[in-house]
Amino acid sequence: MKVLIKYILFLSIVFLMAGCRTQYNPNDTCRVENGRIIFQLNLHWNDSQKMEIAHRFDLDSALIARVYKELKNITFNSIEWKVEKINPDLVELSKPVDNNAIPYLNPNDIFMLDESWLKAEGEQERESASYGVNQFNSSHIVSFKDDIATFFLPGQQNVQKIYLAGTFNNWNTMQTAMQKTDSGWVVSVKLLPGKYLYKYIIDGKWSLDPNNILKQKDSQSNVNSVLFRYNYHFDIKGYQNARKAIVAGSFNNWNSNELKMVRTADGWTLPIYLREGTHAYKFIIDDQWMTDPANSVKRPDGKGNSNSFLGIGDSHLFQLKGFTSAKEVVLTGNFNAWNTGELFMEKTTDGWQLPYILAAGNYEYKFIVDGKWITDPDNPFTSGSGDLTNSVLIFKPSYTFTLNKYSNARKIIITGSFSNWNPDGYRMLKKDGTWTFPLYLKPGKYTYKFIVDDQWILDPNNKLWETNEYGTNNSVLWIAP
């Protein structure tokens, strides 16, 4: 077992599957008792439930499979596991706890699943795609009105019960029951714009949506149907005699063959999901590229051409004070792929400014003043070092890292899985002896460390940590939705 979750959490999740005689009870699944970490497994769980236990508690699925097959003590990866059958339905799998390796472990701790983890995974999935278009092989399979999506599964007249489960309801197998009609089964759920995975449970058997072409494997190699909840329509009037119309943009790497528009009575349209932020785009009418004639927001692309621009979400006003004698100031950053000929700032009485729509996130940027690259002099947050130092914008931060025991340190970096463990990552700011750095982190799990004057350390105020491939351990942070 690679990870021991040492956080006492409360939850109520029921994994009730057809063919399973006993409900999944997370309160009894994992505990620490008399110096041993103990997992209680039900002998009637199906493969999906066994996989869920392996995934949630970071147990090797091969270990779980051997327990169910052999029902005897096991040596696995040089660890001796005790297997004890406590009644006809239950078996306990346990190993000694090394308190030297787990200094904060309380022998009476109970390890339980938390519904917020499933919600976090669902929220991560919802925002995982930058764009998406549904592909159904039959009409009216999923219809939308306002925030409500109505799922329709035609046929299945000899079936007794059908449930809908997916990332939108934490894969709950009993929560979203479909209603039988004379032509199939139907149910409505509330969905925010984004990407969702789902399946039907037909008389206890998991089933893909037979009328949905889009499919995707999850972390457990299960294949699920994929649905996008739209939040934007591309429209262009006229061109009824054109053979085809296509949308291409920064969101799909300017693919000129992917997003085919649908002909309407007065033009062409394409409903689509777009992640929040600013997107450049063009229409391609019979292989001729053109900006959107109905959109007045156009900017140069740095290559002698222009693109139309749209924004979804909230705007941030980039400002550069002073430099009033400059002839030209350009804003560039990872939000526009560091394009140096696109975002020309507007001159004001005391400097330069440019409003720009962004999704919540962490961004690096610089100003180019008459050809000279500079960081933002009014922004204390930076990343990198030397000539590679960039200003950092944290748009809608969701968490602030704090370290208050190193007031004499010269430099402290916060780095982790959220920054690909960049050792020149986010430089923390010291105020009144406390070091801080705010970040936007999506719901989910993160590992991290502080680098204090080039020394890597765990977070002394966080008792939750796990081992890494170097044997030096990482602090663990969970961000709830």
Protein backbone atom coordinates (compact mmCIF):
# COMPACT_ATOMS: atom_id res chain seq x y z
CA MET A 1 0.00 0.00 0.00
CA LYS A 2 1.55 3.25 -1.17
CA VAL A 3 -0.66 5.69 0.68
CA LEU A 4 -2.20 5.73 4.15
CA ILE A 5 -4.90 8.36 4.38
CA LYS A 6 -4.77 9.75 7.87
CA TYR A 7 -7.62 12.19 7.76
CA ILE A 8 -10.81 11.56 9.76
CA LEU A 9 -13.71 12.25 7.44
CA PHE A 10 -17.42 11.71 7.48
CA LEU A 11 -19.55 10.41 4.63
CA SER A 12 -22.57 8.59 3.49
CA ILE A 13 -21.97 6.73 0.23
CA VAL A 14 -23.86 3.61 -0.71
CA PHE A 15 -22.50 1.30 -3.37
CA LEU A 16 -25.47 -1.04 -3.77
CA MET A 17 -25.07 -3.21 -6.83
CA ALA A 18 -27.35 -5.88 -8.24
CA GLY A 19 -26.20 -9.33 -7.17
CA CYS A 20 -24.57 -7.97 -4.04
CA ARG A 21 -26.17 -9.17 -0.82
CA THR A 22 -24.58 -6.61 1.47
CA GLN A 23 -24.31 -2.83 1.21
CA TYR A 24 -20.88 -1.22 1.03
CA ASN A 25 -20.25 0.35 4.45
CA PRO A 26 -17.31 2.76 4.40
CA ASN A 27 -17.32 3.04 8.19
CA ASP A 28 -16.14 -0.58 8.42
CA THR A 29 -13.82 -0.66 5.43
CA CYS A 30 -10.58 0.57 6.97
CA ARG A 31 -9.39 1.13 10.52
CA VAL A 32 -6.25 1.06 12.66
CA GLU A 33 -6.37 -1.21 15.69
CA ASN A 34 -3.67 -2.63 17.98
CA GLY A 35 -0.89 -1.46 15.72
CA ARG A 36 -2.35 -2.88 12.50
CA ILE A 37 -4.02 -1.29 9.50
CA ILE A 38 -7.12 -3.41 8.81
CA PHE A 39 -9.31 -3.57 5.70
CA GLN A 40 -12.65 -5.34 6.02
CA LEU A 41 -13.78 -6.86 2.71
CA ASN A 42 -17.15 -8.37 1.87
CA LEU A 43 -16.93 -11.69 0.05
CA HIS A 44 -20.00 -10.83 -2.02
CA TRP A 45 -18.69 -7.60 -3.51
CA ASN A 46 -18.53 -7.55 -7.29
CA ASP A 47 -15.52 -6.55 -9.40
CA SER A 48 -16.55 -2.88 -9.51
CA GLN A 49 -16.70 -2.66 -5.73
CA LYS A 50 -13.36 -4.45 -5.31
CA MET A 51 -11.80 -2.02 -7.78
CA GLU A 52 -13.31 0.92 -5.90
CA ILE A 53 -11.69 -0.27 -2.65
CA ALA A 54 -8.33 -0.71 -4.37
CA HIS A 55 -8.61 2.76 -5.91
CA ARG A 56 -9.83 4.60 -2.82
CA PHE A 57 -7.27 3.14 -0.40
CA ASP A 58 -4.44 2.81 -2.94
CA LEU A 59 -4.26 -0.97 -2.61
CA ASP A 60 -2.89 -3.02 -5.48
CA SER A 61 -5.79 -4.64 -7.32
CA ALA A 62 -3.70 -7.81 -7.70
CA LEU A 63 -3.49 -8.02 -3.90
CA ILE A 64 -7.28 -7.73 -3.58
CA ALA A 65 -7.74 -10.42 -6.24
CA ARG A 66 -5.45 -12.82 -4.36
CA VAL A 67 -7.34 -12.27 -1.12
CA TYR A 68 -10.64 -13.29 -2.71
CA LYS A 69 -9.05 -16.25 -4.49
CA GLU A 70 -6.88 -17.72 -1.74
CA LEU A 71 -8.48 -16.60 1.56
CA LYS A 72 -5.18 -17.15 3.40
CA ASN A 73 -2.19 -15.12 4.57
CA ILE A 74 -0.33 -13.48 1.70
CA THR A 75 3.15 -12.10 1.08
CA PHE A 76 2.84 -9.37 -1.51
CA ASN A 77 5.65 -7.00 -2.56
CA SER A 78 7.69 -8.18 0.45
CA ILE A 79 4.85 -7.24 2.84
CA GLU A 80 3.17 -9.93 4.93
CA TRP A 81 -0.60 -9.53 4.94
CA LYS A 82 -2.78 -11.40 7.41
CA VAL A 83 -6.08 -12.67 6.00
CA GLU A 84 -8.75 -13.69 8.51
CA LYS A 85 -12.28 -14.80 7.68
CA ILE A 86 -14.48 -13.44 10.48
CA ASN A 87 -17.85 -14.75 9.26
CA PRO A 88 -19.31 -16.27 6.05
CA ASP A 89 -19.60 -12.80 4.50
CA LEU A 90 -16.54 -10.88 5.70
CA VAL A 91 -12.76 -11.21 5.59
CA GLU A 92 -10.18 -8.89 7.18
CA LEU A 93 -6.91 -8.02 5.45
CA SER A 94 -4.28 -6.45 7.70
CA LYS A 95 -0.61 -5.57 8.06
CA PRO A 96 1.45 -3.99 10.84
CA VAL A 97 1.64 -0.21 10.99
CA ASP A 98 5.16 1.21 11.10
CA ASN A 99 4.75 4.25 13.34
CA ASN A 100 8.27 5.40 12.52
CA ALA A 101 7.21 5.76 8.91
CA ILE A 102 3.85 7.26 9.88
CA PRO A 103 4.64 9.62 12.76
CA TYR A 104 1.21 11.24 12.99
CA LEU A 105 -0.81 8.02 12.99
CA ASN A 106 -3.20 7.62 15.88
CA PRO A 107 -3.86 3.89 16.63
CA ASN A 108 -7.54 4.71 17.06
CA ASP A 109 -7.92 6.55 13.75
CA ILE A 110 -10.66 5.38 11.42
CA PHE A 111 -10.06 5.78 7.71
CA MET A 112 -13.20 6.44 5.75
CA LEU A 113 -14.18 7.49 2.27
CA ASP A 114 -15.44 11.00 1.78
CA GLU A 115 -18.12 11.89 -0.73
CA SER A 116 -16.26 15.11 -1.45
CA TRP A 117 -13.49 13.08 -3.11
CA LEU A 118 -15.97 11.72 -5.64
CA LYS A 119 -17.37 15.23 -6.10
CA ALA A 120 -13.82 16.51 -6.63
CA GLU A 121 -13.18 13.91 -9.32
CA GLY A 122 -16.46 14.82 -10.99
CA GLU A 123 -15.62 18.52 -10.92
CA GLN A 124 -12.17 17.85 -12.37
CA GLU A 125 -13.75 15.86 -15.18
CA ARG A 126 -16.31 18.60 -15.86
CA GLU A 127 -13.53 21.13 -16.49
CA SER A 128 -11.07 18.73 -18.10
CA ALA A 129 -11.95 19.52 -21.72
CA SER A 130 -11.26 22.86 -23.39
CA TYR A 131 -14.13 22.23 -25.83
CA GLY A 132 -16.53 19.51 -26.91
CA VAL A 133 -19.37 18.62 -29.27
CA ASN A 134 -21.76 15.71 -28.73
CA GLN A 135 -22.02 12.89 -31.25
CA PHE A 136 -25.32 11.01 -31.05
CA ASN A 137 -26.46 8.55 -33.72
CA SER A 138 -30.10 9.32 -32.99
CA SER A 139 -31.89 12.60 -32.23
CA HIS A 140 -33.36 13.56 -28.85
CA ILE A 141 -31.07 11.19 -26.91
CA VAL A 142 -30.10 14.07 -24.61
CA SER A 143 -31.93 17.39 -24.85
CA PHE A 144 -31.19 20.61 -22.98
CA LYS A 145 -33.32 23.41 -21.64
CA ASP A 146 -31.77 26.04 -19.39
CA ASP A 147 -29.71 24.08 -16.81
CA ILE A 148 -31.67 20.84 -17.24
CA ALA A 149 -30.49 17.89 -19.36
CA THR A 150 -33.06 15.22 -20.20
CA PHE A 151 -31.67 11.76 -20.95
CA PHE A 152 -33.73 9.43 -23.15
CA LEU A 153 -33.00 5.72 -23.59
CA PRO A 154 -35.33 4.31 -26.27
CA GLY A 155 -36.78 0.81 -26.14
CA GLN A 156 -35.90 -1.47 -23.20
CA GLN A 157 -39.60 -2.25 -22.67
CA ASN A 158 -38.92 -5.61 -20.99
CA VAL A 159 -36.62 -4.07 -18.36
CA GLN A 160 -37.73 -3.62 -14.74
CA LYS A 161 -35.47 -0.77 -13.54
CA ILE A 162 -32.96 1.61 -15.09
CA TYR A 163 -30.75 4.05 -13.21
CA LEU A 164 -28.50 6.79 -14.59
CA ALA A 165 -25.07 7.15 -12.94
CA GLY A 166 -22.19 9.43 -13.79
CA THR A 167 -19.79 12.11 -12.69
CA PHE A 168 -22.75 14.47 -12.19
CA ASN A 169 -24.16 12.35 -9.31
CA ASN A 170 -20.91 10.90 -7.95
CA TRP A 171 -21.64 7.60 -9.73
CA ASN A 172 -24.45 6.92 -7.29
CA THR A 173 -26.12 3.71 -8.40
CA MET A 174 -29.52 4.30 -6.78
CA GLN A 175 -30.05 8.07 -6.84
CA THR A 176 -31.20 8.84 -10.39
CA ALA A 177 -34.00 6.46 -11.37
CA MET A 178 -35.36 6.71 -14.91
CA GLN A 179 -39.09 6.71 -15.65
CA LYS A 180 -40.59 4.26 -18.11
CA THR A 181 -42.63 5.66 -21.05
CA ASP A 182 -44.32 4.03 -24.01
CA SER A 183 -41.19 4.55 -26.13
CA GLY A 184 -38.34 4.18 -23.64
CA TRP A 185 -36.95 5.57 -20.40
CA VAL A 186 -36.39 9.20 -19.43
CA VAL A 187 -34.88 11.25 -16.59
CA SER A 188 -33.82 14.89 -16.14
CA VAL A 189 -30.80 16.16 -14.19
CA LYS A 190 -29.30 19.59 -13.59
CA LEU A 191 -25.98 20.10 -15.36
CA LEU A 192 -23.56 23.01 -15.46
CA PRO A 193 -21.65 23.57 -18.70
CA GLY A 194 -18.83 21.07 -19.05
CA LYS A 195 -17.88 17.48 -19.75
CA TYR A 196 -19.49 14.47 -18.06
CA LEU A 197 -19.03 10.70 -18.04
CA TYR A 198 -22.02 8.44 -17.53
CA LYS A 199 -23.56 4.98 -17.90
CA TYR A 200 -26.96 3.32 -17.52
CA ILE A 201 -27.60 0.56 -14.98
CA ILE A 202 -30.16 -1.70 -16.67
CA ASP A 203 -31.59 -4.28 -14.25
CA GLY A 204 -28.32 -4.20 -12.36
CA LYS A 205 -25.97 -4.33 -15.37
CA TRP A 206 -23.79 -1.39 -16.37
CA SER A 207 -24.34 -0.29 -19.97
CA LEU A 208 -22.93 2.37 -22.27
CA ASP A 209 -25.40 4.63 -24.03
CA PRO A 210 -25.96 2.72 -27.30
CA ASN A 211 -26.87 5.95 -29.11
CA ASN A 212 -23.80 7.94 -28.03
CA ILE A 213 -20.71 7.67 -30.24
CA LEU A 214 -18.39 9.46 -27.77
CA LYS A 215 -16.66 7.13 -25.29
CA GLN A 216 -13.73 7.44 -22.90
CA LYS A 217 -11.79 5.22 -20.49
CA ASP A 218 -11.60 6.30 -16.85
CA SER A 219 -8.73 5.79 -14.39
CA GLN A 220 -9.83 2.18 -13.85
CA SER A 221 -9.87 1.42 -17.61
CA ASN A 222 -13.66 1.29 -17.62
CA VAL A 223 -15.24 2.70 -20.78
CA ASN A 224 -17.92 5.37 -20.23
CA SER A 225 -20.17 7.44 -22.46
CA VAL A 226 -19.21 11.12 -22.76
CA LEU A 227 -21.61 14.08 -22.73
CA PHE A 228 -20.97 17.80 -23.15
CA ARG A 229 -23.31 20.42 -21.72
CA TYR A 230 -23.13 23.31 -24.16
CA ASN A 231 -22.65 26.98 -23.26
CA TYR A 232 -22.07 28.66 -26.64
CA HIS A 233 -23.35 28.74 -30.24
CA PHE A 234 -21.24 29.67 -33.25
CA ASP A 235 -23.51 31.26 -35.86
CA ILE A 236 -22.93 32.80 -39.27
CA LYS A 237 -25.70 34.18 -41.45
CA GLY A 238 -25.89 33.64 -45.19
CA TYR A 239 -23.66 31.38 -47.31
CA GLN A 240 -26.62 29.03 -47.97
CA ASN A 241 -24.99 27.95 -51.23
CA ALA A 242 -21.77 26.87 -49.52
CA ARG A 243 -20.96 23.15 -49.47
CA LYS A 244 -19.56 23.20 -45.93
CA ALA A 245 -18.77 25.52 -43.02
CA ILE A 246 -16.26 24.76 -40.27
CA VAL A 247 -15.16 26.48 -37.07
CA ALA A 248 -11.49 26.41 -36.05
CA GLY A 249 -9.83 28.17 -33.16
CA SER A 250 -7.24 28.25 -30.43
CA PHE A 251 -9.39 25.84 -28.39
CA ASN A 252 -8.93 22.97 -30.93
CA ASN A 253 -5.43 23.89 -32.14
CA TRP A 254 -6.91 25.38 -35.32
CA ASN A 255 -8.00 21.99 -36.65
CA SER A 256 -9.59 22.79 -40.01
CA ASN A 257 -11.54 19.54 -40.44
CA GLU A 258 -13.06 18.80 -37.02
CA LEU A 259 -15.91 21.14 -36.05
CA LYS A 260 -18.37 21.01 -38.91
CA MET A 261 -21.27 23.43 -38.68
CA VAL A 262 -24.91 22.53 -39.37
CA ARG A 263 -26.87 24.25 -42.13
CA THR A 264 -29.89 26.31 -41.00
CA ALA A 265 -32.62 28.22 -42.83
CA ASP A 266 -30.52 31.40 -42.89
CA GLY A 267 -26.94 30.25 -42.43
CA TRP A 268 -24.87 27.85 -40.36
CA THR A 269 -24.64 27.02 -36.64
CA LEU A 270 -22.67 24.89 -34.20
CA PRO A 271 -23.60 24.43 -30.52
CA ILE A 272 -20.49 23.69 -28.47
CA TYR A 273 -19.01 23.56 -25.00
CA LEU A 274 -16.12 25.99 -24.47
CA ARG A 275 -14.12 26.26 -21.28
CA GLU A 276 -14.12 29.67 -19.63
CA GLY A 277 -11.52 32.07 -20.97
CA THR A 278 -10.66 33.94 -24.16
CA HIS A 279 -10.73 32.06 -27.47
CA ALA A 280 -9.54 33.09 -30.94
CA TYR A 281 -11.44 31.62 -33.87
CA LYS A 282 -12.35 31.81 -37.56
CA PHE A 283 -14.92 30.34 -39.91
CA ILE A 284 -13.87 28.26 -42.92
CA ILE A 285 -16.48 28.53 -45.70
CA ASP A 286 -15.69 26.17 -48.57
CA ASP A 287 -12.00 26.21 -47.58
CA GLN A 288 -11.89 30.02 -47.34
CA TRP A 289 -10.83 31.33 -43.90
CA MET A 290 -12.69 34.38 -42.61
CA THR A 291 -13.30 36.27 -39.37
CA ASP A 292 -16.79 36.40 -37.88
CA PRO A 293 -18.67 39.26 -39.63
CA ALA A 294 -21.03 39.59 -36.65
CA ASN A 295 -18.22 39.94 -34.08
CA SER A 296 -16.50 43.32 -33.77
CA VAL A 297 -13.75 41.96 -31.48
CA LYS A 298 -10.82 41.20 -33.76
CA ARG A 299 -7.11 41.15 -33.02
CA PRO A 300 -3.94 40.50 -35.02
CA ASP A 301 -2.47 37.03 -34.72
CA GLY A 302 1.15 38.15 -34.88
CA LYS A 303 1.55 36.65 -38.34
CA GLY A 304 -0.04 39.37 -40.43
CA ASN A 305 -3.60 38.11 -40.14
CA SER A 306 -6.53 38.77 -37.79
CA ASN A 307 -8.77 36.50 -35.72
CA SER A 308 -12.14 36.95 -34.13
CA PHE A 309 -12.20 36.67 -30.34
CA LEU A 310 -14.83 35.60 -27.82
CA GLY A 311 -14.73 35.42 -24.05
CA ILE A 312 -16.62 33.26 -21.57
CA GLY A 313 -16.31 34.16 -17.89
CA ASP A 314 -15.00 37.13 -15.95
CA SER A 315 -12.50 39.75 -17.03
CA HIS A 316 -9.21 40.79 -15.44
CA LEU A 317 -7.82 44.26 -16.08
CA PHE A 318 -4.07 44.09 -16.76
CA GLN A 319 -2.45 47.42 -15.92
CA LEU A 320 1.04 48.83 -16.28
CA LYS A 321 1.61 52.13 -14.48
CA GLY A 322 3.94 54.69 -16.04
CA PHE A 323 5.86 54.18 -19.29
CA THR A 324 3.72 56.97 -20.78
CA SER A 325 6.45 57.83 -23.27
CA ALA A 326 6.46 54.31 -24.69
CA LYS A 327 5.14 53.89 -28.23
CA GLU A 328 3.82 50.35 -27.80
CA VAL A 329 3.15 47.92 -24.97
CA VAL A 330 2.20 44.29 -25.60
CA LEU A 331 0.79 41.87 -23.03
CA THR A 332 1.86 38.23 -23.41
CA GLY A 333 1.58 35.14 -21.25
CA ASN A 334 0.74 31.46 -21.11
CA PHE A 335 -2.94 32.39 -21.51
CA ASN A 336 -2.25 33.28 -25.18
CA ALA A 337 0.68 30.89 -25.81
CA TRP A 338 3.14 33.80 -25.32
CA ASN A 339 2.07 35.40 -28.60
CA THR A 340 4.03 38.65 -28.92
CA GLY A 341 1.92 40.27 -31.62
CA GLU A 342 -1.63 39.85 -30.40
CA LEU A 343 -2.54 41.73 -27.20
CA PHE A 344 -1.67 45.38 -27.74
CA MET A 345 -2.47 47.40 -24.63
CA GLU A 346 -4.43 50.66 -24.59
CA LYS A 347 -2.70 53.83 -23.47
CA THR A 348 -4.25 55.75 -20.55
CA THR A 349 -3.38 59.02 -18.82
CA ASP A 350 -1.08 57.26 -16.33
CA GLY A 351 0.00 54.08 -18.11
CA TRP A 352 -1.39 51.16 -20.10
CA GLN A 353 -4.26 48.70 -19.67
CA LEU A 354 -6.06 45.80 -21.31
CA PRO A 355 -9.12 43.89 -20.06
CA TYR A 356 -8.91 40.15 -20.78
CA ILE A 357 -11.36 37.35 -19.95
CA LEU A 358 -9.83 34.43 -18.07
CA ALA A 359 -10.91 31.20 -16.46
CA ALA A 360 -10.00 30.76 -12.81
CA GLY A 361 -6.37 29.68 -12.76
CA ASN A 362 -2.71 30.50 -12.31
CA TYR A 363 -1.07 32.45 -15.12
CA GLU A 364 2.41 33.71 -15.96
CA TYR A 365 2.86 36.87 -18.00
CA LYS A 366 5.09 39.78 -18.97
CA PHE A 367 4.85 43.15 -20.64
CA ILE A 368 6.84 44.03 -23.77
CA VAL A 369 7.55 47.77 -23.67
CA ASP A 370 8.91 48.99 -27.02
CA GLY A 371 10.49 45.57 -27.54
CA LYS A 372 11.86 45.17 -23.99
CA TRP A 373 10.44 42.38 -21.82
CA ILE A 374 9.64 43.32 -18.21
CA THR A 375 7.79 41.80 -15.28
CA ASP A 376 4.87 43.64 -13.69
CA PRO A 377 6.49 46.11 -11.24
CA ASP A 378 3.29 46.25 -9.14
CA ASN A 379 2.89 42.46 -8.77
CA PRO A 380 5.00 40.83 -6.01
CA PHE A 381 4.19 37.26 -7.11
CA THR A 382 6.74 35.72 -9.48
CA SER A 383 7.89 32.40 -10.86
CA GLY A 384 11.27 31.36 -12.24
CA SER A 385 14.62 33.07 -11.83
CA GLY A 386 16.97 35.37 -13.69
CA ASP A 387 15.88 36.31 -17.19
CA LEU A 388 13.20 33.61 -16.98
CA THR A 389 11.36 35.32 -14.14
CA ASN A 390 7.69 35.91 -14.92
CA SER A 391 4.93 37.71 -13.08
CA VAL A 392 2.22 35.42 -11.74
CA LEU A 393 -1.49 36.20 -11.77
CA ILE A 394 -3.67 34.07 -9.53
CA PHE A 395 -7.16 34.60 -10.88
CA LYS A 396 -9.81 33.58 -8.32
CA PRO A 397 -7.49 31.77 -5.87
CA SER A 398 -8.95 28.80 -4.00
CA TYR A 399 -6.17 28.05 -1.50
CA THR A 400 -3.32 29.91 0.20
CA PHE A 401 -0.14 28.07 1.20
CA THR A 402 1.28 29.37 4.49
CA LEU A 403 4.61 28.77 6.23
CA ASN A 404 5.32 30.64 9.47
CA LYS A 405 8.40 29.00 10.99
CA TYR A 406 11.12 30.35 8.71
CA SER A 407 11.04 34.11 9.13
CA ASN A 408 14.81 34.34 8.58
CA ALA A 409 14.83 32.45 5.30
CA ARG A 410 16.05 34.32 2.21
CA LYS A 411 13.80 32.56 -0.31
CA ILE A 412 11.00 30.00 -0.12
CA ILE A 413 9.46 28.25 -3.13
CA ILE A 414 6.17 26.34 -3.08
CA THR A 415 6.15 23.53 -5.64
CA GLY A 416 4.22 20.35 -6.22
CA SER A 417 2.10 18.31 -8.58
CA PHE A 418 0.23 21.51 -9.53
CA SER A 419 3.44 22.99 -11.03
CA ASN A 420 5.12 19.79 -12.29
CA TRP A 421 7.49 20.06 -9.32
CA ASN A 422 9.28 23.06 -10.82
CA PRO A 423 12.14 23.90 -8.40
CA ASP A 424 12.02 27.50 -9.65
CA GLY A 425 8.24 27.56 -9.13
CA TYR A 426 6.18 30.01 -7.17
CA ARG A 427 8.24 32.30 -4.95
CA MET A 428 6.39 32.89 -1.68
CA LEU A 429 5.88 36.36 -0.24
CA LYS A 430 6.93 37.19 3.34
CA LYS A 431 4.82 39.52 5.43
CA ASP A 432 5.12 39.96 9.23
CA GLY A 433 7.30 36.84 9.43
CA THR A 434 4.85 34.58 7.58
CA TRP A 435 5.35 33.26 4.06
CA THR A 436 2.27 32.93 1.83
CA PHE A 437 1.32 32.16 -1.73
CA PRO A 438 -2.27 31.95 -3.02
CA LEU A 439 -3.12 29.58 -5.88
CA TYR A 440 -6.13 28.45 -7.79
CA LEU A 441 -6.40 24.67 -7.41
CA LYS A 442 -9.21 22.65 -8.91
CA PRO A 443 -10.99 20.18 -6.62
CA GLY A 444 -8.90 17.07 -6.11
CA LYS A 445 -5.69 15.75 -4.58
CA TYR A 446 -2.28 17.47 -4.73
CA THR A 447 1.17 16.68 -3.39
CA TYR A 448 3.63 19.45 -2.56
CA LYS A 449 6.70 20.63 -0.68
CA PHE A 450 8.37 23.86 0.36
CA ILE A 451 11.93 24.69 -0.76
CA VAL A 452 13.48 26.77 2.02
CA ASP A 453 16.79 28.27 0.91
CA ASP A 454 17.28 25.25 -1.42
CA GLN A 455 16.24 22.71 1.24
CA TRP A 456 13.14 20.63 0.43
CA ILE A 457 10.83 20.17 3.42
CA LEU A 458 7.36 18.83 4.20
CA ASP A 459 4.67 21.20 5.41
CA PRO A 460 5.17 21.18 9.21
CA ASN A 461 1.53 22.20 9.72
CA ASN A 462 0.06 19.39 7.61
CA LYS A 463 -0.11 15.90 9.12
CA LEU A 464 -1.27 14.39 5.84
CA TRP A 465 1.53 13.05 3.67
CA GLU A 466 2.58 10.11 1.53
CA THR A 467 5.76 8.44 0.36
CA ASN A 468 7.26 9.23 -3.04
CA GLU A 469 9.57 7.38 -5.42
CA TYR A 470 12.61 8.94 -3.74
CA GLY A 471 11.65 7.83 -0.24
CA THR A 472 11.54 11.43 0.98
CA ASN A 473 7.73 11.86 1.28
CA ASN A 474 5.41 14.62 0.08
CA SER A 475 2.74 16.62 1.86
CA VAL A 476 -0.80 15.91 0.63
CA LEU A 477 -3.57 18.44 0.09
CA TRP A 478 -7.19 17.76 -0.80
CA ILE A 479 -9.27 20.56 -2.31
CA ALA A 480 -13.00 20.01 -1.92
CA PRO A 481 -15.52 21.26 -4.50
